[in-house]
């Protein structure tokens, strides 16, 4: 795995999250077609760039969704 491929995978995940839905990890893995290793690297990339948020769902699973930053200045 290289940094370029992690970035490509992060783009795939970001586009899936762009529907304003809160995704479970399992659903995101299934729809993206990424392995656990690739999906975790992509989530880490997006989290480090402050592009996603992670919250606990009612069933205890983590939910992933886009972090929207609005700057008024």
PDB file of N, CA and C in Angstrom:
ATOM      1  N   UNK A   1       0.860  -1.173   0.000  1.00  0.00           N
ATOM      2  CA  UNK A   1       0.000   0.000   0.000  1.00  0.00           C
ATOM      3  C   UNK A   1       0.904   1.233   0.000  1.00  0.00           C
ATOM      4  N   UNK A   2       0.570   2.196  -0.844  1.00  0.00           N
ATOM      5  CA  UNK A   2       1.346   3.433  -0.874  1.00  0.00           C
ATOM      6  C   UNK A   2       0.436   4.630  -0.597  1.00  0.00           C
ATOM      7  N   UNK A   3       1.055   5.776  -0.374  1.00  0.00           N
ATOM      8  CA  UNK A   3       0.294   6.977  -0.016  1.00  0.00           C
ATOM      9  C   UNK A   3      -0.677   7.381  -1.110  1.00  0.00           C
ATOM     10  N   UNK A   4      -0.288   7.192  -2.360  1.00  0.00           N
ATOM     11  CA  UNK A   4      -1.178   7.551  -3.465  1.00  0.00           C
ATOM     12  C   UNK A   4      -2.468   6.727  -3.393  1.00  0.00           C
ATOM     13  N   UNK A   5      -2.337   5.422  -3.207  1.00  0.00           N
ATOM     14  CA  UNK A   5      -3.516   4.549  -3.163  1.00  0.00           C
ATOM     15  C   UNK A   5      -4.390   4.852  -1.949  1.00  0.00           C
ATOM     16  N   UNK A   6      -3.768   5.195  -0.840  1.00  0.00           N
ATOM     17  CA  UNK A   6      -4.555   5.580   0.342  1.00  0.00           C
ATOM     18  C   UNK A   6      -5.383   6.821   0.017  1.00  0.00           C
ATOM     19  N   UNK A   7      -4.777   7.780  -0.689  1.00  0.00           N
ATOM     20  CA  UNK A   7      -5.498   8.988  -1.084  1.00  0.00           C
ATOM     21  C   UNK A   7      -6.641   8.682  -2.032  1.00  0.00           C
ATOM     22  N   UNK A   8      -6.423   7.784  -2.976  1.00  0.00           N
ATOM     23  CA  UNK A   8      -7.483   7.376  -3.902  1.00  0.00           C
ATOM     24  C   UNK A   8      -8.631   6.732  -3.125  1.00  0.00           C
ATOM     25  N   UNK A   9      -8.298   5.845  -2.196  1.00  0.00           N
ATOM     26  CA  UNK A   9      -9.322   5.191  -1.382  1.00  0.00           C
ATOM     27  C   UNK A   9     -10.053   6.191  -0.493  1.00  0.00           C
ATOM     28  N   UNK A  10      -9.340   7.173   0.032  1.00  0.00           N
ATOM     29  CA  UNK A  10      -9.979   8.225   0.836  1.00  0.00           C
ATOM     30  C   UNK A  10     -10.985   8.992  -0.013  1.00  0.00           C
ATOM     31  N   UNK A  11     -10.655   9.224  -1.264  1.00  0.00           N
ATOM     32  CA  UNK A  11     -11.596   9.881  -2.178  1.00  0.00           C
ATOM     33  C   UNK A  11     -12.850   9.055  -2.397  1.00  0.00           C
ATOM     34  N   UNK A  12     -12.698   7.740  -2.539  1.00  0.00           N
ATOM     35  CA  UNK A  12     -13.863   6.853  -2.686  1.00  0.00           C
ATOM     36  C   UNK A  12     -14.764   6.952  -1.464  1.00  0.00           C
ATOM     37  N   UNK A  13     -14.158   6.885  -0.293  1.00  0.00           N
ATOM     38  CA  UNK A  13     -14.931   6.942   0.950  1.00  0.00           C
ATOM     39  C   UNK A  13     -15.600   8.301   1.089  1.00  0.00           C
ATOM     40  N   UNK A  14     -14.886   9.369   0.774  1.00  0.00           N
ATOM     41  CA  UNK A  14     -15.456  10.717   0.881  1.00  0.00           C
ATOM     42  C   UNK A  14     -16.674  10.857  -0.024  1.00  0.00           C
ATOM     43  N   UNK A  15     -16.578  10.332  -1.250  1.00  0.00           N
ATOM     44  CA  UNK A  15     -17.712  10.421  -2.174  1.00  0.00           C
ATOM     45  C   UNK A  15     -18.915   9.648  -1.648  1.00  0.00           C
ATOM     46  N   UNK A  16     -18.685   8.504  -1.003  1.00  0.00           N
ATOM     47  CA  UNK A  16     -19.801   7.769  -0.402  1.00  0.00           C
ATOM     48  C   UNK A  16     -20.416   8.551   0.749  1.00  0.00           C
ATOM     49  N   UNK A  17     -19.586   9.158   1.576  1.00  0.00           N
ATOM     50  CA  UNK A  17     -20.080   9.924   2.718  1.00  0.00           C
ATOM     51  C   UNK A  17     -20.749  11.226   2.304  1.00  0.00           C
ATOM     52  N   UNK A  18     -20.561  11.634   1.075  1.00  0.00           N
ATOM     53  CA  UNK A  18     -21.073  12.911   0.584  1.00  0.00           C
ATOM     54  C   UNK A  18     -22.596  12.930   0.447  1.00  0.00           C
ATOM     55  N   UNK A  19     -23.278  11.839   0.749  1.00  0.00           N
ATOM     56  CA  UNK A  19     -24.736  11.795   0.633  1.00  0.00           C
ATOM     57  C   UNK A  19     -25.447  12.257   1.907  1.00  0.00           C
ATOM     58  N   UNK A  20     -24.692  12.794   2.860  1.00  0.00           N
ATOM     59  CA  UNK A  20     -25.222  13.303   4.139  1.00  0.00           C
ATOM     60  C   UNK A  20     -25.852  12.226   5.006  1.00  0.00           C
ATOM     61  N   UNK A  21     -25.512  10.994   4.761  1.00  0.00           N
ATOM     62  CA  UNK A  21     -25.996   9.868   5.558  1.00  0.00           C
ATOM     63  C   UNK A  21     -24.919   9.494   6.572  1.00  0.00           C
ATOM     64  N   UNK A  22     -25.319   8.956   7.677  1.00  0.00           N
ATOM     65  CA  UNK A  22     -24.366   8.410   8.658  1.00  0.00           C
ATOM     66  C   UNK A  22     -24.183   6.936   8.336  1.00  0.00           C
ATOM     67  N   UNK A  23     -22.959   6.566   8.021  1.00  0.00           N
ATOM     68  CA  UNK A  23     -22.654   5.209   7.588  1.00  0.00           C
ATOM     69  C   UNK A  23     -22.041   4.399   8.723  1.00  0.00           C
ATOM     70  N   UNK A  24     -22.456   3.145   8.852  1.00  0.00           N
ATOM     71  CA  UNK A  24     -21.757   2.242   9.762  1.00  0.00           C
ATOM     72  C   UNK A  24     -20.495   1.767   9.042  1.00  0.00           C
ATOM     73  N   UNK A  25     -19.528   1.328   9.818  1.00  0.00           N
ATOM     74  CA  UNK A  25     -18.279   0.841   9.246  1.00  0.00           C
ATOM     75  C   UNK A  25     -18.547  -0.334   8.305  1.00  0.00           C
ATOM     76  N   UNK A  26     -19.385  -1.258   8.735  1.00  0.00           N
ATOM     77  CA  UNK A  26     -19.670  -2.449   7.926  1.00  0.00           C
ATOM     78  C   UNK A  26     -20.331  -2.082   6.601  1.00  0.00           C
ATOM     79  N   UNK A  27     -21.288  -1.166   6.634  1.00  0.00           N
ATOM     80  CA  UNK A  27     -21.944  -0.730   5.394  1.00  0.00           C
ATOM     81  C   UNK A  27     -20.950  -0.047   4.472  1.00  0.00           C
ATOM     82  N   UNK A  28     -20.109   0.778   5.035  1.00  0.00           N
ATOM     83  CA  UNK A  28     -19.111   1.488   4.236  1.00  0.00           C
ATOM     84  C   UNK A  28     -18.121   0.513   3.595  1.00  0.00           C
ATOM     85  N   UNK A  29     -17.715  -0.497   4.344  1.00  0.00           N
ATOM     86  CA  UNK A  29     -16.801  -1.507   3.805  1.00  0.00           C
ATOM     87  C   UNK A  29     -17.464  -2.277   2.668  1.00  0.00           C
ATOM     88  N   UNK A  30     -18.712  -2.649   2.859  1.00  0.00           N
ATOM     89  CA  UNK A  30     -19.423  -3.424   1.846  1.00  0.00           C
ATOM     90  C   UNK A  30     -19.613  -2.630   0.552  1.00  0.00           C
ATOM     91  N   UNK A  31     -20.079  -1.412   0.661  1.00  0.00           N
ATOM     92  CA  UNK A  31     -20.367  -0.609  -0.519  1.00  0.00           C
ATOM     93  C   UNK A  31     -19.091  -0.143  -1.217  1.00  0.00           C
ATOM     94  N   UNK A  32     -18.071   0.192  -0.443  1.00  0.00           N
ATOM     95  CA  UNK A  32     -16.819   0.675  -1.049  1.00  0.00           C
ATOM     96  C   UNK A  32     -16.036  -0.444  -1.714  1.00  0.00           C
ATOM     97  N   UNK A  33     -16.204  -1.665  -1.215  1.00  0.00           N
ATOM     98  CA  UNK A  33     -15.448  -2.783  -1.748  1.00  0.00           C
ATOM     99  C   UNK A  33     -14.004  -2.818  -1.264  1.00  0.00           C
ATOM    100  N   UNK A  34     -13.673  -1.994  -0.274  1.00  0.00           N
ATOM    101  CA  UNK A  34     -12.311  -1.937   0.247  1.00  0.00           C
ATOM    102  C   UNK A  34     -12.110  -2.973   1.345  1.00  0.00           C
ATOM    103  N   UNK A  35     -10.888  -3.446   1.462  1.00  0.00           N
ATOM    104  CA  UNK A  35     -10.549  -4.352   2.561  1.00  0.00           C
ATOM    105  C   UNK A  35     -10.525  -3.548   3.864  1.00  0.00           C
ATOM    106  N   UNK A  36     -10.516  -4.247   4.993  1.00  0.00           N
ATOM    107  CA  UNK A  36     -10.432  -3.557   6.281  1.00  0.00           C
ATOM    108  C   UNK A  36      -9.192  -2.668   6.341  1.00  0.00           C
ATOM    109  N   UNK A  37      -8.069  -3.199   5.889  1.00  0.00           N
ATOM    110  CA  UNK A  37      -6.807  -2.449   5.913  1.00  0.00           C
ATOM    111  C   UNK A  37      -6.912  -1.170   5.081  1.00  0.00           C
ATOM    112  N   UNK A  38      -7.448  -1.284   3.871  1.00  0.00           N
ATOM    113  CA  UNK A  38      -7.561  -0.113   2.995  1.00  0.00           C
ATOM    114  C   UNK A  38      -8.589   0.884   3.509  1.00  0.00           C
ATOM    115  N   UNK A  39      -9.709   0.375   4.022  1.00  0.00           N
ATOM    116  CA  UNK A  39     -10.742   1.266   4.545  1.00  0.00           C
ATOM    117  C   UNK A  39     -10.244   2.004   5.784  1.00  0.00           C
ATOM    118  N   UNK A  40      -9.548   1.296   6.668  1.00  0.00           N
ATOM    119  CA  UNK A  40      -9.018   1.950   7.870  1.00  0.00           C
ATOM    120  C   UNK A  40      -8.009   3.033   7.517  1.00  0.00           C
ATOM    121  N   UNK A  41      -7.159   2.775   6.532  1.00  0.00           N
ATOM    122  CA  UNK A  41      -6.187   3.786   6.107  1.00  0.00           C
ATOM    123  C   UNK A  41      -6.909   5.000   5.533  1.00  0.00           C
ATOM    124  N   UNK A  42      -7.946   4.766   4.732  1.00  0.00           N
ATOM    125  CA  UNK A  42      -8.710   5.874   4.133  1.00  0.00           C
ATOM    126  C   UNK A  42      -9.420   6.687   5.212  1.00  0.00           C
ATOM    127  N   UNK A  43     -10.015   6.008   6.186  1.00  0.00           N
ATOM    128  CA  UNK A  43     -10.690   6.713   7.287  1.00  0.00           C
ATOM    129  C   UNK A  43      -9.672   7.524   8.079  1.00  0.00           C
ATOM    130  N   UNK A  44      -8.508   6.954   8.318  1.00  0.00           N
ATOM    131  CA  UNK A  44      -7.455   7.683   9.022  1.00  0.00           C
ATOM    132  C   UNK A  44      -7.029   8.924   8.274  1.00  0.00           C
ATOM    133  N   UNK A  45      -6.893   8.817   6.969  1.00  0.00           N
ATOM    134  CA  UNK A  45      -6.526   9.959   6.115  1.00  0.00           C
ATOM    135  C   UNK A  45      -7.566  11.063   6.271  1.00  0.00           C
ATOM    136  N   UNK A  46      -8.849  10.697   6.128  1.00  0.00           N
ATOM    137  CA  UNK A  46      -9.920  11.692   6.213  1.00  0.00           C
ATOM    138  C   UNK A  46     -10.040  12.281   7.620  1.00  0.00           C
ATOM    139  N   UNK A  47      -9.829  11.455   8.632  1.00  0.00           N
ATOM    140  CA  UNK A  47      -9.900  11.953  10.004  1.00  0.00           C
ATOM    141  C   UNK A  47      -8.763  12.928  10.272  1.00  0.00           C
ATOM    142  N   UNK A  48      -7.575  12.614   9.787  1.00  0.00           N
ATOM    143  CA  UNK A  48      -6.416  13.498   9.994  1.00  0.00           C
ATOM    144  C   UNK A  48      -6.622  14.838   9.311  1.00  0.00           C
ATOM    145  N   UNK A  49      -7.311  14.838   8.179  1.00  0.00           N
ATOM    146  CA  UNK A  49      -7.610  16.085   7.474  1.00  0.00           C
ATOM    147  C   UNK A  49      -8.860  16.766   8.020  1.00  0.00           C
ATOM    148  N   UNK A  50      -9.437  16.222   9.092  1.00  0.00           N
ATOM    149  CA  UNK A  50     -10.645  16.761   9.732  1.00  0.00           C
ATOM    150  C   UNK A  50     -11.818  16.830   8.764  1.00  0.00           C
ATOM    151  N   UNK A  51     -11.923  15.812   7.899  1.00  0.00           N
ATOM    152  CA  UNK A  51     -12.999  15.772   6.906  1.00  0.00           C
ATOM    153  C   UNK A  51     -14.185  14.945   7.378  1.00  0.00           C
ATOM    154  N   UNK A  52     -13.980  14.066   8.358  1.00  0.00           N
ATOM    155  CA  UNK A  52     -15.069  13.221   8.825  1.00  0.00           C
ATOM    156  C   UNK A  52     -15.186  13.302  10.338  1.00  0.00           C
ATOM    157  N   UNK A  53     -16.365  12.930  10.798  1.00  0.00           N
ATOM    158  CA  UNK A  53     -16.614  12.782  12.226  1.00  0.00           C
ATOM    159  C   UNK A  53     -17.051  11.352  12.478  1.00  0.00           C
ATOM    160  N   UNK A  54     -16.828  10.897  13.663  1.00  0.00           N
ATOM    161  CA  UNK A  54     -17.207   9.553  14.068  1.00  0.00           C
ATOM    162  C   UNK A  54     -18.011   9.676  15.357  1.00  0.00           C
ATOM    163  N   UNK A  55     -19.189   9.075  15.367  1.00  0.00           N
ATOM    164  CA  UNK A  55     -20.055   9.129  16.544  1.00  0.00           C
ATOM    165  C   UNK A  55     -20.542   7.728  16.862  1.00  0.00           C
ATOM    166  N   UNK A  56     -20.902   7.512  18.098  1.00  0.00           N
ATOM    167  CA  UNK A  56     -21.448   6.221  18.505  1.00  0.00           C
ATOM    168  C   UNK A  56     -22.918   6.153  18.131  1.00  0.00           C
ATOM    169  N   UNK A  57     -23.295   5.065  17.496  1.00  0.00           N
ATOM    170  CA  UNK A  57     -24.694   4.851  17.148  1.00  0.00           C
ATOM    171  C   UNK A  57     -25.462   4.289  18.327  1.00  0.00           C
ATOM    172  N   UNK A  58     -26.760   4.197  18.206  1.00  0.00           N
ATOM    173  CA  UNK A  58     -27.591   3.694  19.298  1.00  0.00           C
ATOM    174  C   UNK A  58     -27.316   2.224  19.608  1.00  0.00           C
ATOM    175  N   UNK A  59     -26.805   1.487  18.616  1.00  0.00           N
ATOM    176  CA  UNK A  59     -26.493   0.071  18.834  1.00  0.00           C
ATOM    177  C   UNK A  59     -25.038  -0.148  19.245  1.00  0.00           C
ATOM    178  N   UNK A  60     -24.301   0.935  19.467  1.00  0.00           N
ATOM    179  CA  UNK A  60     -22.915   0.832  19.905  1.00  0.00           C
ATOM    180  C   UNK A  60     -21.901   0.849  18.787  1.00  0.00           C
ATOM    181  N   UNK A  61     -22.356   0.699  17.541  1.00  0.00           N
ATOM    182  CA  UNK A  61     -21.436   0.766  16.402  1.00  0.00           C
ATOM    183  C   UNK A  61     -21.063   2.209  16.113  1.00  0.00           C
ATOM    184  N   UNK A  62     -19.863   2.398  15.574  1.00  0.00           N
ATOM    185  CA  UNK A  62     -19.433   3.732  15.166  1.00  0.00           C
ATOM    186  C   UNK A  62     -20.122   4.126  13.871  1.00  0.00           C
ATOM    187  N   UNK A  63     -20.521   5.382  13.777  1.00  0.00           N
ATOM    188  CA  UNK A  63     -21.107   5.932  12.563  1.00  0.00           C
ATOM    189  C   UNK A  63     -20.156   6.979  12.023  1.00  0.00           C
ATOM    190  N   UNK A  64     -19.932   6.962  10.720  1.00  0.00           N
ATOM    191  CA  UNK A  64     -19.030   7.908  10.071  1.00  0.00           C
ATOM    192  C   UNK A  64     -19.833   8.842   9.186  1.00  0.00           C
ATOM    193  N   UNK A  65     -19.464  10.119   9.192  1.00  0.00           N
ATOM    194  CA  UNK A  65     -20.153  11.105   8.365  1.00  0.00           C
ATOM    195  C   UNK A  65     -19.224  12.278   8.118  1.00  0.00           C
ATOM    196  N   UNK A  66     -19.559  13.068   7.109  1.00  0.00           N
ATOM    197  CA  UNK A  66     -18.715  14.197   6.750  1.00  0.00           C
ATOM    198  C   UNK A  66     -18.770  15.285   7.802  1.00  0.00           C
ATOM    199  N   UNK A  67     -17.642  15.912   8.008  1.00  0.00           N
ATOM    200  CA  UNK A  67     -17.530  17.055   8.899  1.00  0.00           C
ATOM    201  C   UNK A  67     -17.623  18.298   8.020  1.00  0.00           C
ATOM    202  N   UNK A  68     -18.634  19.104   8.250  1.00  0.00           N
ATOM    203  CA  UNK A  68     -18.829  20.305   7.454  1.00  0.00           C
ATOM    204  C   UNK A  68     -18.332  21.497   8.238  1.00  0.00           C
ATOM    205  N   UNK A  69     -17.322  22.154   7.703  1.00  0.00           N
ATOM    206  CA  UNK A  69     -16.797  23.372   8.324  1.00  0.00           C
ATOM    207  C   UNK A  69     -17.289  24.574   7.530  1.00  0.00           C
ATOM    208  N   UNK A  70     -17.920  25.486   8.210  1.00  0.00           N
ATOM    209  CA  UNK A  70     -18.402  26.695   7.561  1.00  0.00           C
ATOM    210  C   UNK A  70     -17.695  27.879   8.193  1.00  0.00           C
ATOM    211  N   UNK A  71     -17.001  28.634   7.380  1.00  0.00           N
ATOM    212  CA  UNK A  71     -16.280  29.802   7.864  1.00  0.00           C
ATOM    213  C   UNK A  71     -16.946  31.058   7.298  1.00  0.00           C
ATOM    214  N   UNK A  72     -17.306  31.946   8.180  1.00  0.00           N
ATOM    215  CA  UNK A  72     -17.886  33.223   7.775  1.00  0.00           C
ATOM    216  C   UNK A  72     -16.900  34.297   8.175  1.00  0.00           C
ATOM    217  N   UNK A  73     -16.493  35.076   7.216  1.00  0.00           N
ATOM    218  CA  UNK A  73     -15.472  36.034   7.570  1.00  0.00           C
ATOM    219  C   UNK A  73     -15.410  37.236   6.776  1.00  0.00           C
TER     220      UNK A  73
END
